[in-house]
Amino acid sequence: MRGFQITFYTQTNRKHGAVSIAEWLLQLAKELGIKGATLLAAQAGFGRDGRMYSTAFIELAEQPQEVTLAVGEEDAARLFARIDEEKLEIFYTKIPVEFGVTGDDVSAAVS
């Protein structure tokens, strides 16, 4: 299947309502019927503001996080439409990819 790998970049302390942006994105993906998403926590990074964000021994509030999904074009459009409805500003990358599932009939999974 052809589509996009979309990765959103945020920090633990960024919230939408009562949940973190990363958790909200995972819940949204599930609600939209997207087949999977991965949340990764990073050690350090810096954002558009040039400020360094990192994990500290005691404080994890500014820990950088990534949420990555592989989706078809229609799912990508629905995902971004919902983010726009919520008026959220989240930095992302969107890369064209081919994706599928390995197994006995690989050609069926990828086409």
PDB file of N, CA and C in Angstrom:
ATOM      1  N   MET A   1       0.850  -1.174   0.000  1.00  0.00           N
ATOM      2  CA  MET A   1       0.000   0.000   0.000  1.00  0.00           C
ATOM      3  C   MET A   1       0.894   1.235   0.000  1.00  0.00           C
ATOM      4  N   ARG A   2       0.450   2.243  -0.681  1.00  0.00           N
ATOM      5  CA  ARG A   2       1.187   3.509  -0.701  1.00  0.00           C
ATOM      6  C   ARG A   2       0.442   4.526   0.148  1.00  0.00           C
ATOM      7  N   GLY A   3       1.209   5.365   0.804  1.00  0.00           N
ATOM      8  CA  GLY A   3       0.611   6.387   1.656  1.00  0.00           C
ATOM      9  C   GLY A   3       1.691   7.277   2.228  1.00  0.00           C
ATOM     10  N   PHE A   4       1.570   7.564   3.511  1.00  0.00           N
ATOM     11  CA  PHE A   4       2.487   8.490   4.159  1.00  0.00           C
ATOM     12  C   PHE A   4       2.923   7.962   5.525  1.00  0.00           C
ATOM     13  N   GLN A   5       4.148   8.267   5.861  1.00  0.00           N
ATOM     14  CA  GLN A   5       4.594   8.131   7.247  1.00  0.00           C
ATOM     15  C   GLN A   5       4.529   9.534   7.826  1.00  0.00           C
ATOM     16  N   ILE A   6       3.698   9.692   8.844  1.00  0.00           N
ATOM     17  CA  ILE A   6       3.522  10.995   9.480  1.00  0.00           C
ATOM     18  C   ILE A   6       4.079  10.904  10.883  1.00  0.00           C
ATOM     19  N   THR A   7       4.954  11.832  11.220  1.00  0.00           N
ATOM     20  CA  THR A   7       5.512  11.890  12.564  1.00  0.00           C
ATOM     21  C   THR A   7       5.222  13.265  13.147  1.00  0.00           C
ATOM     22  N   PHE A   8       4.602  13.253  14.323  1.00  0.00           N
ATOM     23  CA  PHE A   8       4.327  14.481  15.065  1.00  0.00           C
ATOM     24  C   PHE A   8       5.356  14.608  16.173  1.00  0.00           C
ATOM     25  N   TYR A   9       5.813  15.836  16.429  1.00  0.00           N
ATOM     26  CA  TYR A   9       6.831  16.109  17.446  1.00  0.00           C
ATOM     27  C   TYR A   9       6.226  17.027  18.507  1.00  0.00           C
ATOM     28  N   THR A  10       6.357  16.637  19.763  1.00  0.00           N
ATOM     29  CA  THR A  10       5.770  17.406  20.854  1.00  0.00           C
ATOM     30  C   THR A  10       6.584  17.178  22.131  1.00  0.00           C
ATOM     31  N   GLN A  11       6.098  17.678  23.258  1.00  0.00           N
ATOM     32  CA  GLN A  11       6.728  17.445  24.554  1.00  0.00           C
ATOM     33  C   GLN A  11       5.667  16.937  25.528  1.00  0.00           C
ATOM     34  N   THR A  12       6.109  16.240  26.550  1.00  0.00           N
ATOM     35  CA  THR A  12       5.212  15.661  27.541  1.00  0.00           C
ATOM     36  C   THR A  12       4.273  16.697  28.143  1.00  0.00           C
ATOM     37  N   ASN A  13       4.756  17.907  28.378  1.00  0.00           N
ATOM     38  CA  ASN A  13       3.951  18.918  29.064  1.00  0.00           C
ATOM     39  C   ASN A  13       2.950  19.633  28.160  1.00  0.00           C
ATOM     40  N   ARG A  14       2.965  19.393  26.857  1.00  0.00           N
ATOM     41  CA  ARG A  14       1.975  20.012  25.962  1.00  0.00           C
ATOM     42  C   ARG A  14       0.680  19.226  26.052  1.00  0.00           C
ATOM     43  N   LYS A  15      -0.395  19.913  26.374  1.00  0.00           N
ATOM     44  CA  LYS A  15      -1.684  19.261  26.628  1.00  0.00           C
ATOM     45  C   LYS A  15      -2.754  19.722  25.644  1.00  0.00           C
ATOM     46  N   HIS A  16      -3.730  18.846  25.455  1.00  0.00           N
ATOM     47  CA  HIS A  16      -4.976  19.185  24.776  1.00  0.00           C
ATOM     48  C   HIS A  16      -6.072  18.669  25.692  1.00  0.00           C
ATOM     49  N   GLY A  17      -6.726  19.583  26.370  1.00  0.00           N
ATOM     50  CA  GLY A  17      -7.665  19.173  27.417  1.00  0.00           C
ATOM     51  C   GLY A  17      -6.871  18.613  28.587  1.00  0.00           C
ATOM     52  N   ALA A  18      -7.265  17.451  29.062  1.00  0.00           N
ATOM     53  CA  ALA A  18      -6.625  16.851  30.231  1.00  0.00           C
ATOM     54  C   ALA A  18      -5.498  15.889  29.872  1.00  0.00           C
ATOM     55  N   VAL A  19      -5.277  15.639  28.569  1.00  0.00           N
ATOM     56  CA  VAL A  19      -4.255  14.658  28.175  1.00  0.00           C
ATOM     57  C   VAL A  19      -3.140  15.326  27.380  1.00  0.00           C
ATOM     58  N   SER A  20      -2.013  14.656  27.325  1.00  0.00           N
ATOM     59  CA  SER A  20      -0.894  15.182  26.538  1.00  0.00           C
ATOM     60  C   SER A  20      -1.259  15.134  25.055  1.00  0.00           C
ATOM     61  N   ILE A  21      -0.618  15.983  24.265  1.00  0.00           N
ATOM     62  CA  ILE A  21      -0.831  15.993  22.819  1.00  0.00           C
ATOM     63  C   ILE A  21      -0.543  14.602  22.249  1.00  0.00           C
ATOM     64  N   ALA A  22       0.537  13.973  22.708  1.00  0.00           N
ATOM     65  CA  ALA A  22       0.897  12.650  22.194  1.00  0.00           C
ATOM     66  C   ALA A  22      -0.202  11.635  22.486  1.00  0.00           C
ATOM     67  N   GLU A  23      -0.700  11.622  23.700  1.00  0.00           N
ATOM     68  CA  GLU A  23      -1.780  10.694  24.056  1.00  0.00           C
ATOM     69  C   GLU A  23      -3.044  11.008  23.258  1.00  0.00           C
ATOM     70  N   TRP A  24      -3.351  12.284  23.081  1.00  0.00           N
ATOM     71  CA  TRP A  24      -4.520  12.683  22.298  1.00  0.00           C
ATOM     72  C   TRP A  24      -4.390  12.188  20.861  1.00  0.00           C
ATOM     73  N   LEU A  25      -3.190  12.310  20.272  1.00  0.00           N
ATOM     74  CA  LEU A  25      -2.969  11.830  18.906  1.00  0.00           C
ATOM     75  C   LEU A  25      -3.189  10.323  18.813  1.00  0.00           C
ATOM     76  N   LEU A  26      -2.709   9.574  19.807  1.00  0.00           N
ATOM     77  CA  LEU A  26      -2.922   8.119  19.812  1.00  0.00           C
ATOM     78  C   LEU A  26      -4.413   7.801  19.886  1.00  0.00           C
ATOM     79  N   GLN A  27      -5.133   8.492  20.766  1.00  0.00           N
ATOM     80  CA  GLN A  27      -6.578   8.270  20.897  1.00  0.00           C
ATOM     81  C   GLN A  27      -7.306   8.630  19.604  1.00  0.00           C
ATOM     82  N   LEU A  28      -6.898   9.722  18.974  1.00  0.00           N
ATOM     83  CA  LEU A  28      -7.515  10.146  17.716  1.00  0.00           C
ATOM     84  C   LEU A  28      -7.283   9.108  16.628  1.00  0.00           C
ATOM     85  N   ALA A  29      -6.066   8.621  16.511  1.00  0.00           N
ATOM     86  CA  ALA A  29      -5.757   7.616  15.495  1.00  0.00           C
ATOM     87  C   ALA A  29      -6.637   6.381  15.674  1.00  0.00           C
ATOM     88  N   LYS A  30      -6.793   5.949  16.902  1.00  0.00           N
ATOM     89  CA  LYS A  30      -7.639   4.784  17.189  1.00  0.00           C
ATOM     90  C   LYS A  30      -9.100   5.080  16.838  1.00  0.00           C
ATOM     91  N   GLU A  31      -9.566   6.253  17.230  1.00  0.00           N
ATOM     92  CA  GLU A  31     -10.945   6.668  16.934  1.00  0.00           C
ATOM     93  C   GLU A  31     -11.216   6.696  15.431  1.00  0.00           C
ATOM     94  N   LEU A  32     -10.227   7.122  14.643  1.00  0.00           N
ATOM     95  CA  LEU A  32     -10.377   7.219  13.194  1.00  0.00           C
ATOM     96  C   LEU A  32     -10.220   5.868  12.494  1.00  0.00           C
ATOM     97  N   GLY A  33      -9.890   4.819  13.249  1.00  0.00           N
ATOM     98  CA  GLY A  33      -9.724   3.495  12.665  1.00  0.00           C
ATOM     99  C   GLY A  33      -8.370   3.264  12.036  1.00  0.00           C
ATOM    100  N   ILE A  34      -7.417   4.117  12.334  1.00  0.00           N
ATOM    101  CA  ILE A  34      -6.054   3.928  11.840  1.00  0.00           C
ATOM    102  C   ILE A  34      -5.487   2.691  12.523  1.00  0.00           C
ATOM    103  N   LYS A  35      -4.808   1.840  11.759  1.00  0.00           N
ATOM    104  CA  LYS A  35      -4.418   0.510  12.229  1.00  0.00           C
ATOM    105  C   LYS A  35      -3.276   0.481  13.232  1.00  0.00           C
ATOM    106  N   GLY A  36      -2.569   1.582  13.438  1.00  0.00           N
ATOM    107  CA  GLY A  36      -1.493   1.576  14.421  1.00  0.00           C
ATOM    108  C   GLY A  36      -0.804   2.919  14.502  1.00  0.00           C
ATOM    109  N   ALA A  37      -0.201   3.160  15.643  1.00  0.00           N
ATOM    110  CA  ALA A  37       0.582   4.379  15.879  1.00  0.00           C
ATOM    111  C   ALA A  37       1.612   4.044  16.946  1.00  0.00           C
ATOM    112  N   THR A  38       2.731   4.710  16.898  1.00  0.00           N
ATOM    113  CA  THR A  38       3.802   4.465  17.861  1.00  0.00           C
ATOM    114  C   THR A  38       4.190   5.761  18.542  1.00  0.00           C
ATOM    115  N   LEU A  39       4.296   5.712  19.861  1.00  0.00           N
ATOM    116  CA  LEU A  39       4.752   6.847  20.661  1.00  0.00           C
ATOM    117  C   LEU A  39       6.162   6.552  21.126  1.00  0.00           C
ATOM    118  N   LEU A  40       7.077   7.441  20.817  1.00  0.00           N
ATOM    119  CA  LEU A  40       8.470   7.312  21.245  1.00  0.00           C
ATOM    120  C   LEU A  40       8.839   8.490  22.122  1.00  0.00           C
ATOM    121  N   ALA A  41       9.557   8.224  23.201  1.00  0.00           N
ATOM    122  CA  ALA A  41      10.072   9.276  24.072  1.00  0.00           C
ATOM    123  C   ALA A  41      11.553   9.456  23.758  1.00  0.00           C
ATOM    124  N   ALA A  42      11.969  10.693  23.631  1.00  0.00           N
ATOM    125  CA  ALA A  42      13.360  11.000  23.287  1.00  0.00           C
ATOM    126  C   ALA A  42      14.120  11.504  24.507  1.00  0.00           C
ATOM    127  N   GLN A  43      15.429  11.435  24.443  1.00  0.00           N
ATOM    128  CA  GLN A  43      16.288  11.948  25.519  1.00  0.00           C
ATOM    129  C   GLN A  43      16.365  13.470  25.502  1.00  0.00           C
ATOM    130  N   ALA A  44      16.521  14.033  24.283  1.00  0.00           N
ATOM    131  CA  ALA A  44      16.696  15.484  24.181  1.00  0.00           C
ATOM    132  C   ALA A  44      16.378  15.928  22.763  1.00  0.00           C
ATOM    133  N   GLY A  45      16.164  17.223  22.617  1.00  0.00           N
ATOM    134  CA  GLY A  45      15.927  17.817  21.312  1.00  0.00           C
ATOM    135  C   GLY A  45      15.727  19.309  21.484  1.00  0.00           C
ATOM    136  N   PHE A  46      15.661  20.036  20.368  1.00  0.00           N
ATOM    137  CA  PHE A  46      15.324  21.452  20.458  1.00  0.00           C
ATOM    138  C   PHE A  46      14.288  21.771  19.413  1.00  0.00           C
ATOM    139  N   GLY A  47      13.463  22.754  19.736  1.00  0.00           N
ATOM    140  CA  GLY A  47      12.339  23.097  18.883  1.00  0.00           C
ATOM    141  C   GLY A  47      12.589  24.318  18.049  1.00  0.00           C
ATOM    142  N   ARG A  48      11.521  24.789  17.389  1.00  0.00           N
ATOM    143  CA  ARG A  48      11.610  25.972  16.517  1.00  0.00           C
ATOM    144  C   ARG A  48      12.117  27.188  17.267  1.00  0.00           C
ATOM    145  N   ASP A  49      11.857  27.224  18.576  1.00  0.00           N
ATOM    146  CA  ASP A  49      12.290  28.367  19.378  1.00  0.00           C
ATOM    147  C   ASP A  49      13.777  28.309  19.734  1.00  0.00           C
ATOM    148  N   GLY A  50      14.460  27.221  19.346  1.00  0.00           N
ATOM    149  CA  GLY A  50      15.884  27.078  19.636  1.00  0.00           C
ATOM    150  C   GLY A  50      16.174  26.612  21.050  1.00  0.00           C
ATOM    151  N   ARG A  51      15.137  26.453  21.846  1.00  0.00           N
ATOM    152  CA  ARG A  51      15.296  26.035  23.243  1.00  0.00           C
ATOM    153  C   ARG A  51      15.520  24.526  23.324  1.00  0.00           C
ATOM    154  N   MET A  52      16.444  24.101  24.190  1.00  0.00           N
ATOM    155  CA  MET A  52      16.730  22.687  24.373  1.00  0.00           C
ATOM    156  C   MET A  52      15.707  22.066  25.318  1.00  0.00           C
ATOM    157  N   TYR A  53      15.147  20.931  24.916  1.00  0.00           N
ATOM    158  CA  TYR A  53      14.214  20.167  25.741  1.00  0.00           C
ATOM    159  C   TYR A  53      14.860  18.822  26.028  1.00  0.00           C
ATOM    160  N   SER A  54      14.806  18.383  27.277  1.00  0.00           N
ATOM    161  CA  SER A  54      15.422  17.109  27.608  1.00  0.00           C
ATOM    162  C   SER A  54      14.817  16.518  28.862  1.00  0.00           C
ATOM    163  N   THR A  55      15.150  15.268  29.100  1.00  0.00           N
ATOM    164  CA  THR A  55      14.743  14.614  30.334  1.00  0.00           C
ATOM    165  C   THR A  55      15.764  14.966  31.398  1.00  0.00           C
ATOM    166  N   ALA A  56      15.302  15.196  32.578  1.00  0.00           N
ATOM    167  CA  ALA A  56      16.174  15.453  33.711  1.00  0.00           C
ATOM    168  C   ALA A  56      15.931  14.348  34.731  1.00  0.00           C
ATOM    169  N   PHE A  57      16.820  14.205  35.663  1.00  0.00           N
ATOM    170  CA  PHE A  57      16.707  13.142  36.655  1.00  0.00           C
ATOM    171  C   PHE A  57      15.377  13.194  37.384  1.00  0.00           C
ATOM    172  N   ILE A  58      14.923  14.373  37.727  1.00  0.00           N
ATOM    173  CA  ILE A  58      13.702  14.499  38.519  1.00  0.00           C
ATOM    174  C   ILE A  58      12.506  14.925  37.664  1.00  0.00           C
ATOM    175  N   GLU A  59      12.715  15.763  36.678  1.00  0.00           N
ATOM    176  CA  GLU A  59      11.614  16.370  35.927  1.00  0.00           C
ATOM    177  C   GLU A  59      11.549  15.832  34.498  1.00  0.00           C
ATOM    178  N   LEU A  60      10.426  15.214  34.130  1.00  0.00           N
ATOM    179  CA  LEU A  60      10.237  14.709  32.774  1.00  0.00           C
ATOM    180  C   LEU A  60       9.214  15.525  31.995  1.00  0.00           C
ATOM    181  N   ALA A  61       8.792  16.668  32.531  1.00  0.00           N
ATOM    182  CA  ALA A  61       7.710  17.448  31.936  1.00  0.00           C
ATOM    183  C   ALA A  61       8.016  17.910  30.521  1.00  0.00           C
ATOM    184  N   GLU A  62       9.270  18.167  30.202  1.00  0.00           N
ATOM    185  CA  GLU A  62       9.607  18.670  28.870  1.00  0.00           C
ATOM    186  C   GLU A  62      10.245  17.602  27.993  1.00  0.00           C
ATOM    187  N   GLN A  63      10.026  16.340  28.314  1.00  0.00           N
ATOM    188  CA  GLN A  63      10.609  15.265  27.513  1.00  0.00           C
ATOM    189  C   GLN A  63      10.044  15.310  26.096  1.00  0.00           C
ATOM    190  N   PRO A  64      10.915  15.339  25.090  1.00  0.00           N
ATOM    191  CA  PRO A  64      10.435  15.315  23.710  1.00  0.00           C
ATOM    192  C   PRO A  64       9.747  13.982  23.402  1.00  0.00           C
ATOM    193  N   GLN A  65       8.687  14.043  22.580  1.00  0.00           N
ATOM    194  CA  GLN A  65       7.951  12.849  22.190  1.00  0.00           C
ATOM    195  C   GLN A  65       7.652  12.889  20.701  1.00  0.00           C
ATOM    196  N   GLU A  66       7.599  11.700  20.090  1.00  0.00           N
ATOM    197  CA  GLU A  66       7.220  11.554  18.687  1.00  0.00           C
ATOM    198  C   GLU A  66       6.071  10.564  18.600  1.00  0.00           C
ATOM    199  N   VAL A  67       5.091  10.875  17.771  1.00  0.00           N
ATOM    200  CA  VAL A  67       4.017   9.942  17.447  1.00  0.00           C
ATOM    201  C   VAL A  67       4.110   9.697  15.947  1.00  0.00           C
ATOM    202  N   THR A  68       4.299   8.422  15.562  1.00  0.00           N
ATOM    203  CA  THR A  68       4.482   8.071  14.160  1.00  0.00           C
ATOM    204  C   THR A  68       3.382   7.122  13.699  1.00  0.00           C
ATOM    205  N   LEU A  69       2.866   7.374  12.476  1.00  0.00           N
ATOM    206  CA  LEU A  69       1.817   6.553  11.880  1.00  0.00           C
ATOM    207  C   LEU A  69       2.153   6.327  10.413  1.00  0.00           C
ATOM    208  N   ALA A  70       1.763   5.178   9.883  1.00  0.00           N
ATOM    209  CA  ALA A  70       1.807   4.917   8.440  1.00  0.00           C
ATOM    210  C   ALA A  70       0.358   4.806   7.999  1.00  0.00           C
ATOM    211  N   VAL A  71      -0.059   5.705   7.107  1.00  0.00           N
ATOM    212  CA  VAL A  71      -1.476   5.794   6.733  1.00  0.00           C
ATOM    213  C   VAL A  71      -1.638   6.010   5.240  1.00  0.00           C
ATOM    214  N   GLY A  72      -2.805   5.626   4.744  1.00  0.00           N
ATOM    215  CA  GLY A  72      -3.167   5.926   3.371  1.00  0.00           C
ATOM    216  C   GLY A  72      -3.560   7.394   3.244  1.00  0.00           C
ATOM    217  N   GLU A  73      -3.756   7.817   2.013  1.00  0.00           N
ATOM    218  CA  GLU A  73      -4.062   9.226   1.744  1.00  0.00           C
ATOM    219  C   GLU A  73      -5.365   9.678   2.417  1.00  0.00           C
ATOM    220  N   GLU A  74      -6.393   8.835   2.392  1.00  0.00           N
ATOM    221  CA  GLU A  74      -7.679   9.192   2.982  1.00  0.00           C
ATOM    222  C   GLU A  74      -7.562   9.338   4.505  1.00  0.00           C
ATOM    223  N   ASP A  75      -6.864   8.404   5.157  1.00  0.00           N
ATOM    224  CA  ASP A  75      -6.673   8.503   6.605  1.00  0.00           C
ATOM    225  C   ASP A  75      -5.855   9.739   6.973  1.00  0.00           C
ATOM    226  N   ALA A  76      -4.855  10.062   6.165  1.00  0.00           N
ATOM    227  CA  ALA A  76      -4.052  11.260   6.430  1.00  0.00           C
ATOM    228  C   ALA A  76      -4.930  12.514   6.368  1.00  0.00           C
ATOM    229  N   ALA A  77      -5.800  12.580   5.364  1.00  0.00           N
ATOM    230  CA  ALA A  77      -6.679  13.740   5.217  1.00  0.00           C
ATOM    231  C   ALA A  77      -7.624  13.863   6.416  1.00  0.00           C
ATOM    232  N   ARG A  78      -8.208  12.736   6.854  1.00  0.00           N
ATOM    233  CA  ARG A  78      -9.119  12.770   8.007  1.00  0.00           C
ATOM    234  C   ARG A  78      -8.379  13.161   9.286  1.00  0.00           C
ATOM    235  N   LEU A  79      -7.154  12.669   9.447  1.00  0.00           N
ATOM    236  CA  LEU A  79      -6.342  12.989  10.624  1.00  0.00           C
ATOM    237  C   LEU A  79      -6.062  14.488  10.699  1.00  0.00           C
ATOM    238  N   PHE A  80      -5.603  15.068   9.601  1.00  0.00           N
ATOM    239  CA  PHE A  80      -5.291  16.497   9.600  1.00  0.00           C
ATOM    240  C   PHE A  80      -6.544  17.362   9.704  1.00  0.00           C
ATOM    241  N   ALA A  81      -7.662  16.893   9.164  1.00  0.00           N
ATOM    242  CA  ALA A  81      -8.913  17.644   9.295  1.00  0.00           C
ATOM    243  C   ALA A  81      -9.323  17.749  10.760  1.00  0.00           C
ATOM    244  N   ARG A  82      -9.193  16.654  11.505  1.00  0.00           N
ATOM    245  CA  ARG A  82      -9.543  16.683  12.935  1.00  0.00           C
ATOM    246  C   ARG A  82      -8.599  17.567  13.731  1.00  0.00           C
ATOM    247  N   ILE A  83      -7.308  17.524  13.408  1.00  0.00           N
ATOM    248  CA  ILE A  83      -6.344  18.386  14.101  1.00  0.00           C
ATOM    249  C   ILE A  83      -6.685  19.853  13.822  1.00  0.00           C
ATOM    250  N   ASP A  84      -7.047  20.159  12.580  1.00  0.00           N
ATOM    251  CA  ASP A  84      -7.450  21.527  12.230  1.00  0.00           C
ATOM    252  C   ASP A  84      -8.712  21.945  12.979  1.00  0.00           C
ATOM    253  N   GLU A  85      -9.689  21.029  13.108  1.00  0.00           N
ATOM    254  CA  GLU A  85     -10.914  21.327  13.858  1.00  0.00           C
ATOM    255  C   GLU A  85     -10.606  21.714  15.301  1.00  0.00           C
ATOM    256  N   GLU A  86      -9.617  21.075  15.868  1.00  0.00           N
ATOM    257  CA  GLU A  86      -9.231  21.337  17.261  1.00  0.00           C
ATOM    258  C   GLU A  86      -8.325  22.560  17.390  1.00  0.00           C
ATOM    259  N   LYS A  87      -7.927  23.135  16.255  1.00  0.00           N
ATOM    260  CA  LYS A  87      -7.072  24.326  16.209  1.00  0.00           C
ATOM    261  C   LYS A  87      -5.736  24.110  16.936  1.00  0.00           C
ATOM    262  N   LEU A  88      -5.165  22.913  16.747  1.00  0.00           N
ATOM    263  CA  LEU A  88      -3.885  22.581  17.372  1.00  0.00           C
ATOM    264  C   LEU A  88      -2.731  22.921  16.439  1.00  0.00           C
ATOM    265  N   GLU A  89      -1.641  23.367  17.021  1.00  0.00           N
ATOM    266  CA  GLU A  89      -0.409  23.599  16.284  1.00  0.00           C
ATOM    267  C   GLU A  89       0.601  22.557  16.729  1.00  0.00           C
ATOM    268  N   ILE A  90       0.889  21.603  15.839  1.00  0.00           N
ATOM    269  CA  ILE A  90       1.817  20.518  16.138  1.00  0.00           C
ATOM    270  C   ILE A  90       2.771  20.399  14.956  1.00  0.00           C
ATOM    271  N   PHE A  91       4.077  20.451  15.224  1.00  0.00           N
ATOM    272  CA  PHE A  91       5.047  20.275  14.146  1.00  0.00           C
ATOM    273  C   PHE A  91       5.007  18.816  13.689  1.00  0.00           C
ATOM    274  N   TYR A  92       5.106  18.591  12.367  1.00  0.00           N
ATOM    275  CA  TYR A  92       5.063  17.232  11.836  1.00  0.00           C
ATOM    276  C   TYR A  92       5.933  17.107  10.591  1.00  0.00           C
ATOM    277  N   THR A  93       6.234  15.866  10.242  1.00  0.00           N
ATOM    278  CA  THR A  93       6.805  15.543   8.942  1.00  0.00           C
ATOM    279  C   THR A  93       5.860  14.549   8.281  1.00  0.00           C
ATOM    280  N   LYS A  94       5.760  14.615   6.946  1.00  0.00           N
ATOM    281  CA  LYS A  94       4.870  13.741   6.179  1.00  0.00           C
ATOM    282  C   LYS A  94       5.652  13.271   4.958  1.00  0.00           C
ATOM    283  N   ILE A  95       5.972  11.977   4.961  1.00  0.00           N
ATOM    284  CA  ILE A  95       6.857  11.419   3.944  1.00  0.00           C
ATOM    285  C   ILE A  95       6.118  10.330   3.167  1.00  0.00           C
ATOM    286  N   PRO A  96       6.132  10.378   1.823  1.00  0.00           N
ATOM    287  CA  PRO A  96       5.526   9.302   1.041  1.00  0.00           C
ATOM    288  C   PRO A  96       6.247   7.976   1.316  1.00  0.00           C
ATOM    289  N   VAL A  97       5.467   6.900   1.566  1.00  0.00           N
ATOM    290  CA  VAL A  97       6.055   5.588   1.845  1.00  0.00           C
ATOM    291  C   VAL A  97       5.205   4.487   1.213  1.00  0.00           C
ATOM    292  N   GLU A  98       5.811   3.323   1.108  1.00  0.00           N
ATOM    293  CA  GLU A  98       5.104   2.095   0.794  1.00  0.00           C
ATOM    294  C   GLU A  98       5.097   1.290   2.076  1.00  0.00           C
ATOM    295  N   PHE A  99       3.948   0.731   2.442  1.00  0.00           N
ATOM    296  CA  PHE A  99       3.881  -0.058   3.675  1.00  0.00           C
ATOM    297  C   PHE A  99       2.950  -1.242   3.501  1.00  0.00           C
ATOM    298  N   GLY A 100       3.097  -2.217   4.363  1.00  0.00           N
ATOM    299  CA  GLY A 100       2.279  -3.414   4.310  1.00  0.00           C
ATOM    300  C   GLY A 100       2.651  -4.342   5.448  1.00  0.00           C
ATOM    301  N   VAL A 101       2.262  -5.594   5.320  1.00  0.00           N
ATOM    302  CA  VAL A 101       2.515  -6.607   6.330  1.00  0.00           C
ATOM    303  C   VAL A 101       3.191  -7.786   5.643  1.00  0.00           C
ATOM    304  N   THR A 102       4.272  -8.277   6.225  1.00  0.00           N
ATOM    305  CA  THR A 102       4.931  -9.445   5.654  1.00  0.00           C
ATOM    306  C   THR A 102       4.132 -10.698   5.974  1.00  0.00           C
ATOM    307  N   GLY A 103       4.331 -11.728   5.189  1.00  0.00           N
ATOM    308  CA  GLY A 103       3.631 -12.975   5.437  1.00  0.00           C
ATOM    309  C   GLY A 103       3.637 -13.847   4.206  1.00  0.00           C
ATOM    310  N   ASP A 104       2.718 -14.812   4.174  1.00  0.00           N
ATOM    311  CA  ASP A 104       2.656 -15.767   3.076  1.00  0.00           C
ATOM    312  C   ASP A 104       2.385 -15.096   1.737  1.00  0.00           C
ATOM    313  N   ASP A 105       1.517 -14.111   1.717  1.00  0.00           N
ATOM    314  CA  ASP A 105       1.147 -13.461   0.460  1.00  0.00           C
ATOM    315  C   ASP A 105       1.568 -11.999   0.502  1.00  0.00           C
ATOM    316  N   VAL A 106       2.873 -11.761   0.397  1.00  0.00           N
ATOM    317  CA  VAL A 106       3.440 -10.421   0.519  1.00  0.00           C
ATOM    318  C   VAL A 106       2.871  -9.487  -0.534  1.00  0.00           C
ATOM    319  N   SER A 107       2.672  -9.952  -1.769  1.00  0.00           N
ATOM    320  CA  SER A 107       2.188  -9.073  -2.830  1.00  0.00           C
ATOM    321  C   SER A 107       0.793  -8.543  -2.530  1.00  0.00           C
ATOM    322  N   ALA A 108      -0.047  -9.309  -1.873  1.00  0.00           N
ATOM    323  CA  ALA A 108      -1.391  -8.842  -1.522  1.00  0.00           C
ATOM    324  C   ALA A 108      -1.344  -7.795  -0.435  1.00  0.00           C
ATOM    325  N   ALA A 109      -0.386  -7.938   0.499  1.00  0.00           N
ATOM    326  CA  ALA A 109      -0.282  -6.990   1.615  1.00  0.00           C
ATOM    327  C   ALA A 109       0.239  -5.635   1.166  1.00  0.00           C
ATOM    328  N   VAL A 110       1.060  -5.620   0.118  1.00  0.00           N
ATOM    329  CA  VAL A 110       1.704  -4.378  -0.299  1.00  0.00           C
ATOM    330  C   VAL A 110       0.932  -3.678  -1.405  1.00  0.00           C
ATOM    331  N   SER A 111       0.139  -4.367  -2.160  1.00  0.00           N
ATOM    332  CA  SER A 111      -0.542  -3.729  -3.303  1.00  0.00           C
ATOM    333  C   SER A 111      -1.729  -2.904  -2.876  1.00  0.00           C
TER     334      SER A 111
END
